[in-house]
Amino acid sequence: MIRTSSLRSAALAGVAIVALAACSSQPNPHSIVVDLIESADGPTPEQRTCMLERVDEYSSDEIEAIGDANKNIDFDNPEALAATTQEFQDFVEDLRTCM
């Protein structure tokens, strides 16, 4: 069973990843993820800062590749994280450590 903080982190990361995967406009994937983290409800300012620092460790190409490989995530399913790629799970874990 996924813990609540893990599920929230996974959902936030998932929203960011799915949004960037679906987006073919000018903003780069890194900027999209940063914008979503900055506007997310839930994380404290300290958690948000930590998450932004973690995201900065990824290039736009890496984030885009994670999004491309995980376009069909169903976050209504509590086991959704287990069905994602290892890279996505690592990304979520990086964000989860901030929660």
C-alpha atoms as a PDB file:
ATOM      1  CA  MET A   1       0.000   0.000   0.000  1.00  0.00           C
ATOM      2  CA  ILE A   2       1.349   3.432  -0.899  1.00  0.00           C
ATOM      3  CA  ARG A   3       1.650   5.895   1.991  1.00  0.00           C
ATOM      4  CA  THR A   4      -0.374   9.111   1.746  1.00  0.00           C
ATOM      5  CA  SER A   5       2.708  11.327   1.356  1.00  0.00           C
ATOM      6  CA  SER A   6       4.046   9.031  -1.349  1.00  0.00           C
ATOM      7  CA  LEU A   7       0.719   9.046  -3.143  1.00  0.00           C
ATOM      8  CA  ARG A   8       0.540  12.853  -2.952  1.00  0.00           C
ATOM      9  CA  SER A   9       4.087  13.153  -4.262  1.00  0.00           C
ATOM     10  CA  ALA A  10       3.342  10.634  -6.982  1.00  0.00           C
ATOM     11  CA  ALA A  11       0.180  12.466  -7.933  1.00  0.00           C
ATOM     12  CA  LEU A  12       1.970  15.822  -8.056  1.00  0.00           C
ATOM     13  CA  ALA A  13       4.801  14.365 -10.087  1.00  0.00           C
ATOM     14  CA  GLY A  14       2.294  12.547 -12.253  1.00  0.00           C
ATOM     15  CA  VAL A  15       0.288  15.664 -12.968  1.00  0.00           C
ATOM     16  CA  ALA A  16       3.496  17.454 -13.886  1.00  0.00           C
ATOM     17  CA  ILE A  17       4.743  14.610 -16.064  1.00  0.00           C
ATOM     18  CA  VAL A  18       1.421  14.005 -17.817  1.00  0.00           C
ATOM     19  CA  ALA A  19       0.959  17.729 -18.395  1.00  0.00           C
ATOM     20  CA  LEU A  20       4.373  18.067 -19.950  1.00  0.00           C
ATOM     21  CA  ALA A  21       3.924  14.902 -22.013  1.00  0.00           C
ATOM     22  CA  ALA A  22       0.701  16.278 -23.446  1.00  0.00           C
ATOM     23  CA  CYS A  23       2.144  19.708 -24.064  1.00  0.00           C
ATOM     24  CA  SER A  24       3.712  20.400 -27.418  1.00  0.00           C
ATOM     25  CA  SER A  25       3.955  24.164 -27.002  1.00  0.00           C
ATOM     26  CA  GLN A  26       6.993  26.314 -26.322  1.00  0.00           C
ATOM     27  CA  PRO A  27       7.573  25.944 -22.550  1.00  0.00           C
ATOM     28  CA  ASN A  28      10.223  23.385 -21.845  1.00  0.00           C
ATOM     29  CA  PRO A  29       9.345  20.374 -19.677  1.00  0.00           C
ATOM     30  CA  HIS A  30      11.448  21.610 -16.764  1.00  0.00           C
ATOM     31  CA  SER A  31       9.538  24.912 -16.672  1.00  0.00           C
ATOM     32  CA  ILE A  32       6.194  23.133 -16.721  1.00  0.00           C
ATOM     33  CA  VAL A  33       7.117  20.923 -13.761  1.00  0.00           C
ATOM     34  CA  VAL A  34       8.448  23.940 -11.838  1.00  0.00           C
ATOM     35  CA  ASP A  35       5.240  25.910 -12.513  1.00  0.00           C
ATOM     36  CA  LEU A  36       3.085  23.011 -11.326  1.00  0.00           C
ATOM     37  CA  ILE A  37       5.098  22.590  -8.125  1.00  0.00           C
ATOM     38  CA  GLU A  38       4.990  26.325  -7.421  1.00  0.00           C
ATOM     39  CA  SER A  39       1.210  26.404  -7.845  1.00  0.00           C
ATOM     40  CA  ALA A  40       0.409  23.121  -6.060  1.00  0.00           C
ATOM     41  CA  ASP A  41      -1.768  23.106  -2.965  1.00  0.00           C
ATOM     42  CA  GLY A  42      -0.419  21.066  -0.086  1.00  0.00           C
ATOM     43  CA  PRO A  43       3.343  21.408   0.097  1.00  0.00           C
ATOM     44  CA  THR A  44       4.695  23.825   2.678  1.00  0.00           C
ATOM     45  CA  PRO A  45       7.084  26.533   1.438  1.00  0.00           C
ATOM     46  CA  GLU A  46      10.012  24.426   2.682  1.00  0.00           C
ATOM     47  CA  GLN A  47       8.718  21.306   0.946  1.00  0.00           C
ATOM     48  CA  ARG A  48       8.129  23.261  -2.253  1.00  0.00           C
ATOM     49  CA  THR A  49      11.679  24.650  -2.160  1.00  0.00           C
ATOM     50  CA  CYS A  50      13.056  21.161  -1.635  1.00  0.00           C
ATOM     51  CA  MET A  51      11.004  19.791  -4.528  1.00  0.00           C
ATOM     52  CA  LEU A  52      12.183  22.580  -6.809  1.00  0.00           C
ATOM     53  CA  GLU A  53      15.789  21.818  -5.872  1.00  0.00           C
ATOM     54  CA  ARG A  54      15.216  18.146  -6.706  1.00  0.00           C
ATOM     55  CA  VAL A  55      13.646  18.990 -10.060  1.00  0.00           C
ATOM     56  CA  ASP A  56      16.631  21.205 -10.885  1.00  0.00           C
ATOM     57  CA  GLU A  57      18.773  18.059 -10.801  1.00  0.00           C
ATOM     58  CA  TYR A  58      16.955  16.835 -13.948  1.00  0.00           C
ATOM     59  CA  SER A  59      17.422  18.201 -17.449  1.00  0.00           C
ATOM     60  CA  SER A  60      14.425  19.072 -19.608  1.00  0.00           C
ATOM     61  CA  ASP A  61      15.349  16.130 -21.824  1.00  0.00           C
ATOM     62  CA  GLU A  62      15.263  13.736 -18.864  1.00  0.00           C
ATOM     63  CA  ILE A  63      11.898  15.073 -17.681  1.00  0.00           C
ATOM     64  CA  GLU A  64      10.500  14.888 -21.204  1.00  0.00           C
ATOM     65  CA  ALA A  65      11.671  11.271 -21.564  1.00  0.00           C
ATOM     66  CA  ILE A  66      10.012  10.355 -18.249  1.00  0.00           C
ATOM     67  CA  GLY A  67       6.778  11.968 -19.445  1.00  0.00           C
ATOM     68  CA  ASP A  68       6.879  10.245 -22.817  1.00  0.00           C
ATOM     69  CA  ALA A  69       7.310   6.849 -21.152  1.00  0.00           C
ATOM     70  CA  ASN A  70       4.459   7.352 -18.651  1.00  0.00           C
ATOM     71  CA  LYS A  71       1.563   8.933 -20.523  1.00  0.00           C
ATOM     72  CA  ASN A  72      -1.213   6.621 -19.303  1.00  0.00           C
ATOM     73  CA  ILE A  73      -0.906   6.800 -15.523  1.00  0.00           C
ATOM     74  CA  ASP A  74      -4.206   6.273 -13.669  1.00  0.00           C
ATOM     75  CA  PHE A  75      -3.837   8.065 -10.339  1.00  0.00           C
ATOM     76  CA  ASP A  76      -7.273   6.878  -9.267  1.00  0.00           C
ATOM     77  CA  ASN A  77      -5.579   3.498  -8.860  1.00  0.00           C
ATOM     78  CA  PRO A  78      -3.607   3.271  -5.586  1.00  0.00           C
ATOM     79  CA  GLU A  79      -1.144   0.948  -7.323  1.00  0.00           C
ATOM     80  CA  ALA A  80      -0.493   3.370 -10.186  1.00  0.00           C
ATOM     81  CA  LEU A  81       3.075   4.098  -9.147  1.00  0.00           C
ATOM     82  CA  ALA A  82       4.014   0.425  -9.422  1.00  0.00           C
ATOM     83  CA  ALA A  83       2.944   0.438 -13.078  1.00  0.00           C
ATOM     84  CA  THR A  84       5.282   3.293 -14.038  1.00  0.00           C
ATOM     85  CA  THR A  85       8.853   3.135 -15.288  1.00  0.00           C
ATOM     86  CA  GLN A  86      11.747   3.000 -12.858  1.00  0.00           C
ATOM     87  CA  GLU A  87      12.757   6.510 -13.941  1.00  0.00           C
ATOM     88  CA  PHE A  88       9.325   7.827 -13.005  1.00  0.00           C
ATOM     89  CA  GLN A  89       9.472   6.026  -9.665  1.00  0.00           C
ATOM     90  CA  ASP A  90      12.911   7.534  -9.002  1.00  0.00           C
ATOM     91  CA  PHE A  91      11.576  10.991  -9.881  1.00  0.00           C
ATOM     92  CA  VAL A  92       8.662  10.533  -7.486  1.00  0.00           C
ATOM     93  CA  GLU A  93      10.996   9.283  -4.760  1.00  0.00           C
ATOM     94  CA  ASP A  94      13.165  12.360  -5.203  1.00  0.00           C
ATOM     95  CA  LEU A  95      10.099  14.565  -4.678  1.00  0.00           C
ATOM     96  CA  ARG A  96       8.741  12.378  -1.867  1.00  0.00           C
ATOM     97  CA  THR A  97      11.878  12.894   0.202  1.00  0.00           C
ATOM     98  CA  CYS A  98      10.807  16.533   0.493  1.00  0.00           C
ATOM     99  CA  MET A  99       7.481  15.642   2.082  1.00  0.00           C
END
